[in-house]
């Protein structure tokens, strides 16, 4: 069998553009949904054109035109959705329900990766308001996928690994390329069919304090540490706008509850570094050395 043909929805976003490149790099015929809603957004148009030069195929489709979505989906074997689910950018999780309907109507898709890539929503039933809306909506999408009997892979990409170093060093993202390559690897892998794949390589399971200690050891410098109680942290959302309050709620679960790693991976779940040992992930101490 040849490699699957892939459609990336949300291909100009933070995660989406990396998924497009990873799909092309791994030899997949790669389509990118070109939505008329982007209008004259020059940056996105230029990105789409750059994808085309790299070998991607642009295909028009709109969430306001169901038929166009169905036709786009019919061209491929796999659909990966990377539409934004964070409130400080654009929050489009529920738009995926239209995509689920299009996949169901087309009837040819052998794998769907919805826009997840963060905390596992099945573990966030006790999340605080207003941030829990993200997890509630992702569960609505999952329910629709499973009721439609669409083959899926859910990817929990240990979301905060991309941002945690920035909290004290203003660093770039933490090896996003490796993560996107692994996302694409799952699409033809029978071991990940109808499962959740976690990206939490054991040597990078670190608390914020451990990360600071690594930096101090490497740099030979001591950083001043300010400890904030959970009560004070949650109180800080009082004067924030809605997007800020959502973010603070998510950060609370990450920093104070350790929701990304405070559980064992069980039945119906896989850990990516075990599945794909050939993908050499960057250890955080090695990553930080380049900034010395």
C-alpha atoms as a PDB file:
ATOM      1  CA  UNK A   1       0.000   0.000   0.000  1.00  0.00           C
ATOM      2  CA  UNK A   2       1.129   3.515  -0.786  1.00  0.00           C
ATOM      3  CA  UNK A   3       1.202   6.308   1.733  1.00  0.00           C
ATOM      4  CA  UNK A   4      -2.098   7.913   2.641  1.00  0.00           C
ATOM      5  CA  UNK A   5      -3.228  11.130   1.029  1.00  0.00           C
ATOM      6  CA  UNK A   6      -3.636  13.778   3.708  1.00  0.00           C
ATOM      7  CA  UNK A   7      -5.860  16.845   4.055  1.00  0.00           C
ATOM      8  CA  UNK A   8      -4.789  19.423   6.653  1.00  0.00           C
ATOM      9  CA  UNK A   9      -7.533  21.784   7.823  1.00  0.00           C
ATOM     10  CA  UNK A  10      -6.200  24.893   9.530  1.00  0.00           C
ATOM     11  CA  UNK A  11      -2.894  24.544   7.726  1.00  0.00           C
ATOM     12  CA  UNK A  12      -1.748  28.141   8.197  1.00  0.00           C
ATOM     13  CA  UNK A  13      -1.894  28.104  11.997  1.00  0.00           C
ATOM     14  CA  UNK A  14       0.798  27.506  14.624  1.00  0.00           C
ATOM     15  CA  UNK A  15       0.383  23.725  14.590  1.00  0.00           C
ATOM     16  CA  UNK A  16      -1.140  23.383  11.137  1.00  0.00           C
ATOM     17  CA  UNK A  17       1.768  24.779   9.151  1.00  0.00           C
ATOM     18  CA  UNK A  18       4.134  22.367  10.878  1.00  0.00           C
ATOM     19  CA  UNK A  19       1.831  19.464  10.135  1.00  0.00           C
ATOM     20  CA  UNK A  20       1.773  20.395   6.451  1.00  0.00           C
ATOM     21  CA  UNK A  21       5.563  20.419   6.305  1.00  0.00           C
ATOM     22  CA  UNK A  22       5.840  17.154   8.239  1.00  0.00           C
ATOM     23  CA  UNK A  23       3.334  15.467   5.941  1.00  0.00           C
ATOM     24  CA  UNK A  24       5.232  16.593   2.853  1.00  0.00           C
ATOM     25  CA  UNK A  25       8.567  15.591   4.384  1.00  0.00           C
ATOM     26  CA  UNK A  26       7.258  12.072   5.010  1.00  0.00           C
ATOM     27  CA  UNK A  27       6.199  11.677   1.415  1.00  0.00           C
ATOM     28  CA  UNK A  28       2.437  12.027   1.683  1.00  0.00           C
ATOM     29  CA  UNK A  29       0.400  13.642  -1.052  1.00  0.00           C
ATOM     30  CA  UNK A  30      -0.725  16.592   1.022  1.00  0.00           C
ATOM     31  CA  UNK A  31      -3.753  18.811   0.509  1.00  0.00           C
ATOM     32  CA  UNK A  32      -4.334  22.045   2.403  1.00  0.00           C
ATOM     33  CA  UNK A  33      -7.856  23.415   2.743  1.00  0.00           C
ATOM     34  CA  UNK A  34      -7.965  26.935   1.339  1.00  0.00           C
ATOM     35  CA  UNK A  35     -10.925  28.673   2.916  1.00  0.00           C
ATOM     36  CA  UNK A  36     -12.354  31.836   1.347  1.00  0.00           C
ATOM     37  CA  UNK A  37     -12.771  33.202   4.877  1.00  0.00           C
ATOM     38  CA  UNK A  38      -9.078  34.119   4.970  1.00  0.00           C
ATOM     39  CA  UNK A  39      -9.942  36.905   2.513  1.00  0.00           C
ATOM     40  CA  UNK A  40      -6.996  39.187   1.932  1.00  0.00           C
ATOM     41  CA  UNK A  41      -4.917  37.980   4.863  1.00  0.00           C
ATOM     42  CA  UNK A  42      -1.606  38.364   3.030  1.00  0.00           C
ATOM     43  CA  UNK A  43       0.435  36.339   5.514  1.00  0.00           C
ATOM     44  CA  UNK A  44      -1.861  33.337   5.171  1.00  0.00           C
ATOM     45  CA  UNK A  45      -2.058  33.653   1.399  1.00  0.00           C
ATOM     46  CA  UNK A  46       1.724  33.771   1.146  1.00  0.00           C
ATOM     47  CA  UNK A  47       1.977  30.716   3.398  1.00  0.00           C
ATOM     48  CA  UNK A  48      -0.460  28.798   1.195  1.00  0.00           C
ATOM     49  CA  UNK A  49       1.573  29.711  -1.867  1.00  0.00           C
ATOM     50  CA  UNK A  50       4.757  28.576  -0.139  1.00  0.00           C
ATOM     51  CA  UNK A  51       3.096  25.228   0.613  1.00  0.00           C
ATOM     52  CA  UNK A  52       2.193  24.930  -3.055  1.00  0.00           C
ATOM     53  CA  UNK A  53       5.817  25.517  -4.049  1.00  0.00           C
ATOM     54  CA  UNK A  54       6.854  22.764  -1.629  1.00  0.00           C
ATOM     55  CA  UNK A  55       4.475  20.333  -3.335  1.00  0.00           C
ATOM     56  CA  UNK A  56       1.228  20.691  -1.384  1.00  0.00           C
ATOM     57  CA  UNK A  57      -2.067  20.833  -3.253  1.00  0.00           C
ATOM     58  CA  UNK A  58      -4.469  23.621  -2.359  1.00  0.00           C
ATOM     59  CA  UNK A  59      -8.141  22.712  -2.366  1.00  0.00           C
ATOM     60  CA  UNK A  60     -10.938  25.196  -1.811  1.00  0.00           C
ATOM     61  CA  UNK A  61     -13.558  24.530   0.815  1.00  0.00           C
ATOM     62  CA  UNK A  62     -15.647  26.444   3.306  1.00  0.00           C
ATOM     63  CA  UNK A  63     -17.426  25.595   6.541  1.00  0.00           C
ATOM     64  CA  UNK A  64     -20.360  27.603   5.202  1.00  0.00           C
ATOM     65  CA  UNK A  65     -20.524  25.371   2.097  1.00  0.00           C
ATOM     66  CA  UNK A  66     -21.057  21.769   3.195  1.00  0.00           C
ATOM     67  CA  UNK A  67     -20.752  20.389  -0.329  1.00  0.00           C
ATOM     68  CA  UNK A  68     -17.289  21.902  -0.766  1.00  0.00           C
ATOM     69  CA  UNK A  69     -16.117  20.254   2.468  1.00  0.00           C
ATOM     70  CA  UNK A  70     -17.416  16.875   1.327  1.00  0.00           C
ATOM     71  CA  UNK A  71     -15.649  17.224  -2.036  1.00  0.00           C
ATOM     72  CA  UNK A  72     -12.379  18.176  -0.323  1.00  0.00           C
ATOM     73  CA  UNK A  73     -12.589  15.197   2.027  1.00  0.00           C
ATOM     74  CA  UNK A  74     -13.287  12.814  -0.878  1.00  0.00           C
ATOM     75  CA  UNK A  75      -9.829  13.550  -2.289  1.00  0.00           C
ATOM     76  CA  UNK A  76      -7.938  12.021   0.634  1.00  0.00           C
ATOM     77  CA  UNK A  77      -7.564   9.093   3.018  1.00  0.00           C
ATOM     78  CA  UNK A  78      -6.734  11.037   6.173  1.00  0.00           C
ATOM     79  CA  UNK A  79      -7.989  14.342   7.579  1.00  0.00           C
ATOM     80  CA  UNK A  80      -5.985  16.247  10.194  1.00  0.00           C
ATOM     81  CA  UNK A  81      -7.663  19.254  11.757  1.00  0.00           C
ATOM     82  CA  UNK A  82      -5.467  21.886  13.362  1.00  0.00           C
ATOM     83  CA  UNK A  83      -7.982  24.689  13.789  1.00  0.00           C
ATOM     84  CA  UNK A  84      -7.295  26.856  16.805  1.00  0.00           C
ATOM     85  CA  UNK A  85      -8.849  25.920  20.113  1.00  0.00           C
ATOM     86  CA  UNK A  86      -7.354  28.692  22.239  1.00  0.00           C
ATOM     87  CA  UNK A  87      -9.297  31.801  23.088  1.00  0.00           C
ATOM     88  CA  UNK A  88      -6.456  34.282  22.735  1.00  0.00           C
ATOM     89  CA  UNK A  89      -6.222  33.406  19.026  1.00  0.00           C
ATOM     90  CA  UNK A  90      -9.489  32.115  17.601  1.00  0.00           C
ATOM     91  CA  UNK A  91     -11.657  29.485  19.209  1.00  0.00           C
ATOM     92  CA  UNK A  92     -13.052  27.177  16.524  1.00  0.00           C
ATOM     93  CA  UNK A  93     -13.403  23.780  18.173  1.00  0.00           C
ATOM     94  CA  UNK A  94     -17.125  23.411  17.485  1.00  0.00           C
ATOM     95  CA  UNK A  95     -16.658  24.138  13.775  1.00  0.00           C
ATOM     96  CA  UNK A  96     -15.220  20.646  13.603  1.00  0.00           C
ATOM     97  CA  UNK A  97     -18.740  19.235  13.887  1.00  0.00           C
ATOM     98  CA  UNK A  98     -19.295  20.333  10.285  1.00  0.00           C
ATOM     99  CA  UNK A  99     -16.093  18.583   9.300  1.00  0.00           C
ATOM    100  CA  UNK A 100     -17.225  15.419  11.092  1.00  0.00           C
ATOM    101  CA  UNK A 101     -20.477  15.524   9.113  1.00  0.00           C
ATOM    102  CA  UNK A 102     -18.534  15.989   5.874  1.00  0.00           C
ATOM    103  CA  UNK A 103     -16.286  13.013   6.671  1.00  0.00           C
ATOM    104  CA  UNK A 104     -19.342  10.908   7.485  1.00  0.00           C
ATOM    105  CA  UNK A 105     -21.012  11.934   4.217  1.00  0.00           C
ATOM    106  CA  UNK A 106     -17.900  11.287   2.124  1.00  0.00           C
ATOM    107  CA  UNK A 107     -17.477   7.830   3.611  1.00  0.00           C
ATOM    108  CA  UNK A 108     -13.910   7.273   2.450  1.00  0.00           C
ATOM    109  CA  UNK A 109     -11.716   8.570   5.286  1.00  0.00           C
ATOM    110  CA  UNK A 110      -9.701   5.898   7.081  1.00  0.00           C
ATOM    111  CA  UNK A 111      -8.353   8.167   9.852  1.00  0.00           C
ATOM    112  CA  UNK A 112      -9.327  11.512  11.391  1.00  0.00           C
ATOM    113  CA  UNK A 113      -7.125  13.474  13.792  1.00  0.00           C
ATOM    114  CA  UNK A 114      -9.272  16.241  15.324  1.00  0.00           C
ATOM    115  CA  UNK A 115      -7.841  19.419  16.772  1.00  0.00           C
ATOM    116  CA  UNK A 116      -6.630  18.286  20.198  1.00  0.00           C
ATOM    117  CA  UNK A 117      -2.841  18.414  20.746  1.00  0.00           C
ATOM    118  CA  UNK A 118      -3.136  19.577  24.349  1.00  0.00           C
ATOM    119  CA  UNK A 119      -4.577  18.261  27.598  1.00  0.00           C
ATOM    120  CA  UNK A 120      -6.642  15.081  27.358  1.00  0.00           C
ATOM    121  CA  UNK A 121     -10.260  16.284  27.753  1.00  0.00           C
ATOM    122  CA  UNK A 122     -11.364  12.932  29.185  1.00  0.00           C
ATOM    123  CA  UNK A 123      -9.248  13.734  32.255  1.00  0.00           C
ATOM    124  CA  UNK A 124     -10.577  17.272  32.696  1.00  0.00           C
ATOM    125  CA  UNK A 125     -14.077  16.589  33.994  1.00  0.00           C
ATOM    126  CA  UNK A 126     -13.397  18.696  37.101  1.00  0.00           C
ATOM    127  CA  UNK A 127     -11.846  21.632  35.257  1.00  0.00           C
ATOM    128  CA  UNK A 128     -12.770  25.063  36.581  1.00  0.00           C
ATOM    129  CA  UNK A 129     -14.836  27.697  34.823  1.00  0.00           C
ATOM    130  CA  UNK A 130     -14.568  29.346  32.411  1.00  0.00           C
ATOM    131  CA  UNK A 131     -11.627  27.318  31.064  1.00  0.00           C
ATOM    132  CA  UNK A 132     -13.517  24.026  31.106  1.00  0.00           C
ATOM    133  CA  UNK A 133     -15.385  25.113  27.943  1.00  0.00           C
ATOM    134  CA  UNK A 134     -12.385  23.952  25.890  1.00  0.00           C
ATOM    135  CA  UNK A 135     -12.581  20.417  27.258  1.00  0.00           C
ATOM    136  CA  UNK A 136     -16.370  20.235  27.157  1.00  0.00           C
ATOM    137  CA  UNK A 137     -16.373  21.196  23.494  1.00  0.00           C
ATOM    138  CA  UNK A 138     -13.642  18.711  22.623  1.00  0.00           C
ATOM    139  CA  UNK A 139     -15.725  15.988  24.251  1.00  0.00           C
ATOM    140  CA  UNK A 140     -18.720  17.008  22.127  1.00  0.00           C
ATOM    141  CA  UNK A 141     -16.550  16.622  19.018  1.00  0.00           C
ATOM    142  CA  UNK A 142     -15.219  13.242  20.202  1.00  0.00           C
ATOM    143  CA  UNK A 143     -18.769  12.028  20.815  1.00  0.00           C
ATOM    144  CA  UNK A 144     -19.763  13.031  17.271  1.00  0.00           C
ATOM    145  CA  UNK A 145     -16.714  11.263  15.791  1.00  0.00           C
ATOM    146  CA  UNK A 146     -17.367   8.046  17.650  1.00  0.00           C
ATOM    147  CA  UNK A 147     -21.121   8.040  17.022  1.00  0.00           C
ATOM    148  CA  UNK A 148     -20.381   8.457  13.305  1.00  0.00           C
ATOM    149  CA  UNK A 149     -17.976   5.494  13.558  1.00  0.00           C
ATOM    150  CA  UNK A 150     -15.164   7.506  11.989  1.00  0.00           C
ATOM    151  CA  UNK A 151     -11.716   5.922  12.561  1.00  0.00           C
ATOM    152  CA  UNK A 152      -9.705   8.305  14.714  1.00  0.00           C
ATOM    153  CA  UNK A 153      -6.492   9.034  16.561  1.00  0.00           C
ATOM    154  CA  UNK A 154      -6.506  11.572  19.381  1.00  0.00           C
ATOM    155  CA  UNK A 155      -3.143  13.233  20.030  1.00  0.00           C
ATOM    156  CA  UNK A 156      -2.282  14.702  23.422  1.00  0.00           C
ATOM    157  CA  UNK A 157       0.902  16.606  22.679  1.00  0.00           C
ATOM    158  CA  UNK A 158       1.862  17.668  26.199  1.00  0.00           C
ATOM    159  CA  UNK A 159       0.810  21.156  25.191  1.00  0.00           C
ATOM    160  CA  UNK A 160       2.784  23.214  27.652  1.00  0.00           C
ATOM    161  CA  UNK A 161       6.174  21.854  26.614  1.00  0.00           C
ATOM    162  CA  UNK A 162       6.046  24.397  23.783  1.00  0.00           C
ATOM    163  CA  UNK A 163       5.586  27.359  26.132  1.00  0.00           C
ATOM    164  CA  UNK A 164       7.048  26.495  29.543  1.00  0.00           C
ATOM    165  CA  UNK A 165      10.625  27.615  28.751  1.00  0.00           C
ATOM    166  CA  UNK A 166       9.292  31.006  27.683  1.00  0.00           C
ATOM    167  CA  UNK A 167       7.961  31.692  31.139  1.00  0.00           C
ATOM    168  CA  UNK A 168      11.426  32.530  32.380  1.00  0.00           C
ATOM    169  CA  UNK A 169      13.783  32.577  29.413  1.00  0.00           C
ATOM    170  CA  UNK A 170      11.614  33.949  26.581  1.00  0.00           C
ATOM    171  CA  UNK A 171      12.729  30.986  24.479  1.00  0.00           C
ATOM    172  CA  UNK A 172      11.388  29.633  21.225  1.00  0.00           C
ATOM    173  CA  UNK A 173       9.143  26.580  21.064  1.00  0.00           C
ATOM    174  CA  UNK A 174      10.458  23.283  22.319  1.00  0.00           C
ATOM    175  CA  UNK A 175      11.270  21.106  19.327  1.00  0.00           C
ATOM    176  CA  UNK A 176       7.863  21.375  17.626  1.00  0.00           C
ATOM    177  CA  UNK A 177       9.157  19.678  14.493  1.00  0.00           C
ATOM    178  CA  UNK A 178       9.613  16.360  16.272  1.00  0.00           C
ATOM    179  CA  UNK A 179       6.065  16.503  17.604  1.00  0.00           C
ATOM    180  CA  UNK A 180       4.517  17.210  14.213  1.00  0.00           C
ATOM    181  CA  UNK A 181       6.518  14.396  12.605  1.00  0.00           C
ATOM    182  CA  UNK A 182       5.124  11.999  15.178  1.00  0.00           C
ATOM    183  CA  UNK A 183       1.559  13.244  14.586  1.00  0.00           C
ATOM    184  CA  UNK A 184       1.915  12.365  10.912  1.00  0.00           C
ATOM    185  CA  UNK A 185       3.486   8.983  11.705  1.00  0.00           C
ATOM    186  CA  UNK A 186       0.318   7.920  13.522  1.00  0.00           C
ATOM    187  CA  UNK A 187      -1.972   8.197  10.501  1.00  0.00           C
ATOM    188  CA  UNK A 188      -0.931   4.931   8.829  1.00  0.00           C
ATOM    189  CA  UNK A 189      -0.080   3.073  12.023  1.00  0.00           C
ATOM    190  CA  UNK A 190      -2.616   0.369  12.987  1.00  0.00           C
ATOM    191  CA  UNK A 191      -1.358   0.559  16.580  1.00  0.00           C
ATOM    192  CA  UNK A 192      -2.874   4.041  16.950  1.00  0.00           C
ATOM    193  CA  UNK A 193      -6.269   3.307  15.395  1.00  0.00           C
ATOM    194  CA  UNK A 194      -9.090   4.513  17.671  1.00  0.00           C
ATOM    195  CA  UNK A 195      -6.603   5.333  20.417  1.00  0.00           C
ATOM    196  CA  UNK A 196      -5.142   8.328  22.225  1.00  0.00           C
ATOM    197  CA  UNK A 197      -1.438   8.932  21.652  1.00  0.00           C
ATOM    198  CA  UNK A 198       0.412  10.892  24.331  1.00  0.00           C
ATOM    199  CA  UNK A 199       3.623  12.759  23.576  1.00  0.00           C
ATOM    200  CA  UNK A 200       5.366  12.665  26.937  1.00  0.00           C
ATOM    201  CA  UNK A 201       8.901  11.285  26.523  1.00  0.00           C
ATOM    202  CA  UNK A 202      10.023  10.279  30.025  1.00  0.00           C
ATOM    203  CA  UNK A 203      13.171  12.409  30.225  1.00  0.00           C
ATOM    204  CA  UNK A 204      11.163  15.545  29.426  1.00  0.00           C
ATOM    205  CA  UNK A 205       8.568  15.097  32.157  1.00  0.00           C
ATOM    206  CA  UNK A 206       9.627  18.101  34.194  1.00  0.00           C
ATOM    207  CA  UNK A 207       8.050  20.532  36.610  1.00  0.00           C
ATOM    208  CA  UNK A 208       8.697  24.239  36.253  1.00  0.00           C
ATOM    209  CA  UNK A 209      11.017  24.061  39.257  1.00  0.00           C
ATOM    210  CA  UNK A 210      13.018  21.224  37.684  1.00  0.00           C
ATOM    211  CA  UNK A 211      13.324  23.213  34.474  1.00  0.00           C
ATOM    212  CA  UNK A 212      14.673  26.198  36.400  1.00  0.00           C
ATOM    213  CA  UNK A 213      17.144  23.932  38.192  1.00  0.00           C
ATOM    214  CA  UNK A 214      18.422  22.594  34.868  1.00  0.00           C
ATOM    215  CA  UNK A 215      18.959  26.145  33.630  1.00  0.00           C
ATOM    216  CA  UNK A 216      20.750  27.129  36.834  1.00  0.00           C
ATOM    217  CA  UNK A 217      23.046  24.120  36.586  1.00  0.00           C
ATOM    218  CA  UNK A 218      23.879  24.789  32.944  1.00  0.00           C
ATOM    219  CA  UNK A 219      24.341  28.542  33.282  1.00  0.00           C
ATOM    220  CA  UNK A 220      25.951  28.633  36.707  1.00  0.00           C
ATOM    221  CA  UNK A 221      23.475  31.349  37.698  1.00  0.00           C
ATOM    222  CA  UNK A 222      20.861  31.393  40.421  1.00  0.00           C
ATOM    223  CA  UNK A 223      17.434  32.764  39.551  1.00  0.00           C
ATOM    224  CA  UNK A 224      15.206  34.523  42.038  1.00  0.00           C
ATOM    225  CA  UNK A 225      12.115  32.384  42.661  1.00  0.00           C
ATOM    226  CA  UNK A 226       8.755  33.783  43.680  1.00  0.00           C
ATOM    227  CA  UNK A 227       6.230  31.269  44.977  1.00  0.00           C
ATOM    228  CA  UNK A 228       2.541  31.974  44.329  1.00  0.00           C
ATOM    229  CA  UNK A 229      -0.165  30.141  46.215  1.00  0.00           C
ATOM    230  CA  UNK A 230      -2.949  28.551  44.197  1.00  0.00           C
ATOM    231  CA  UNK A 231      -5.435  30.930  45.826  1.00  0.00           C
ATOM    232  CA  UNK A 232      -3.465  33.988  44.727  1.00  0.00           C
ATOM    233  CA  UNK A 233      -2.941  32.522  41.279  1.00  0.00           C
ATOM    234  CA  UNK A 234      -6.662  31.938  40.738  1.00  0.00           C
ATOM    235  CA  UNK A 235      -7.499  35.350  42.194  1.00  0.00           C
ATOM    236  CA  UNK A 236      -5.421  36.976  39.460  1.00  0.00           C
ATOM    237  CA  UNK A 237      -8.101  36.173  36.877  1.00  0.00           C
ATOM    238  CA  UNK A 238     -10.612  38.515  38.513  1.00  0.00           C
ATOM    239  CA  UNK A 239      -9.708  41.570  36.432  1.00  0.00           C
ATOM    240  CA  UNK A 240      -8.911  39.685  33.203  1.00  0.00           C
ATOM    241  CA  UNK A 241     -10.988  39.429  30.077  1.00  0.00           C
ATOM    242  CA  UNK A 242     -12.653  36.134  29.158  1.00  0.00           C
ATOM    243  CA  UNK A 243      -9.696  34.792  27.163  1.00  0.00           C
ATOM    244  CA  UNK A 244      -7.337  35.577  30.037  1.00  0.00           C
ATOM    245  CA  UNK A 245      -9.590  33.815  32.533  1.00  0.00           C
ATOM    246  CA  UNK A 246      -9.722  30.719  30.339  1.00  0.00           C
ATOM    247  CA  UNK A 247      -5.930  30.722  30.125  1.00  0.00           C
ATOM    248  CA  UNK A 248      -5.425  31.101  33.872  1.00  0.00           C
ATOM    249  CA  UNK A 249      -7.761  28.164  34.467  1.00  0.00           C
ATOM    250  CA  UNK A 250      -5.733  25.974  32.114  1.00  0.00           C
ATOM    251  CA  UNK A 251      -2.443  27.065  33.659  1.00  0.00           C
ATOM    252  CA  UNK A 252      -3.794  26.246  37.116  1.00  0.00           C
ATOM    253  CA  UNK A 253      -4.480  22.652  36.098  1.00  0.00           C
ATOM    254  CA  UNK A 254      -1.036  22.377  34.491  1.00  0.00           C
ATOM    255  CA  UNK A 255       1.082  24.030  37.176  1.00  0.00           C
ATOM    256  CA  UNK A 256      -0.784  23.156  40.358  1.00  0.00           C
ATOM    257  CA  UNK A 257      -2.397  19.827  39.506  1.00  0.00           C
ATOM    258  CA  UNK A 258       0.115  18.490  36.982  1.00  0.00           C
ATOM    259  CA  UNK A 259      -2.699  17.369  34.701  1.00  0.00           C
ATOM    260  CA  UNK A 260      -0.372  16.520  31.809  1.00  0.00           C
ATOM    261  CA  UNK A 261       1.536  13.848  33.700  1.00  0.00           C
ATOM    262  CA  UNK A 262      -0.303  12.919  36.917  1.00  0.00           C
ATOM    263  CA  UNK A 263      -1.641   9.658  35.493  1.00  0.00           C
ATOM    264  CA  UNK A 264      -0.499   6.378  33.999  1.00  0.00           C
ATOM    265  CA  UNK A 265      -1.035   5.607  30.321  1.00  0.00           C
ATOM    266  CA  UNK A 266      -3.488   2.730  30.174  1.00  0.00           C
ATOM    267  CA  UNK A 267      -5.610   0.590  27.889  1.00  0.00           C
ATOM    268  CA  UNK A 268      -6.548   2.175  24.573  1.00  0.00           C
ATOM    269  CA  UNK A 269      -3.640   4.630  24.883  1.00  0.00           C
ATOM    270  CA  UNK A 270      -0.079   4.795  23.603  1.00  0.00           C
ATOM    271  CA  UNK A 271       3.038   6.845  24.339  1.00  0.00           C
ATOM    272  CA  UNK A 272       4.735   8.194  21.223  1.00  0.00           C
ATOM    273  CA  UNK A 273       8.384   7.745  22.201  1.00  0.00           C
ATOM    274  CA  UNK A 274       7.729   4.047  22.784  1.00  0.00           C
ATOM    275  CA  UNK A 275       5.948   3.642  19.465  1.00  0.00           C
ATOM    276  CA  UNK A 276       8.568   5.546  17.480  1.00  0.00           C
ATOM    277  CA  UNK A 277      11.994   5.155  19.139  1.00  0.00           C
ATOM    278  CA  UNK A 278      13.613   6.117  15.837  1.00  0.00           C
ATOM    279  CA  UNK A 279      12.400   9.689  16.339  1.00  0.00           C
ATOM    280  CA  UNK A 280      15.047  11.154  18.619  1.00  0.00           C
ATOM    281  CA  UNK A 281      13.409  13.813  20.731  1.00  0.00           C
ATOM    282  CA  UNK A 282      15.378  16.723  22.125  1.00  0.00           C
ATOM    283  CA  UNK A 283      16.044  16.493  25.870  1.00  0.00           C
ATOM    284  CA  UNK A 284      15.384  19.765  27.626  1.00  0.00           C
ATOM    285  CA  UNK A 285      18.926  20.118  28.964  1.00  0.00           C
ATOM    286  CA  UNK A 286      20.283  19.805  25.411  1.00  0.00           C
ATOM    287  CA  UNK A 287      17.684  22.261  24.173  1.00  0.00           C
ATOM    288  CA  UNK A 288      18.625  24.848  26.785  1.00  0.00           C
ATOM    289  CA  UNK A 289      22.358  24.600  26.075  1.00  0.00           C
ATOM    290  CA  UNK A 290      21.949  26.442  22.785  1.00  0.00           C
ATOM    291  CA  UNK A 291      20.901  29.586  24.688  1.00  0.00           C
ATOM    292  CA  UNK A 292      23.998  29.782  26.882  1.00  0.00           C
END
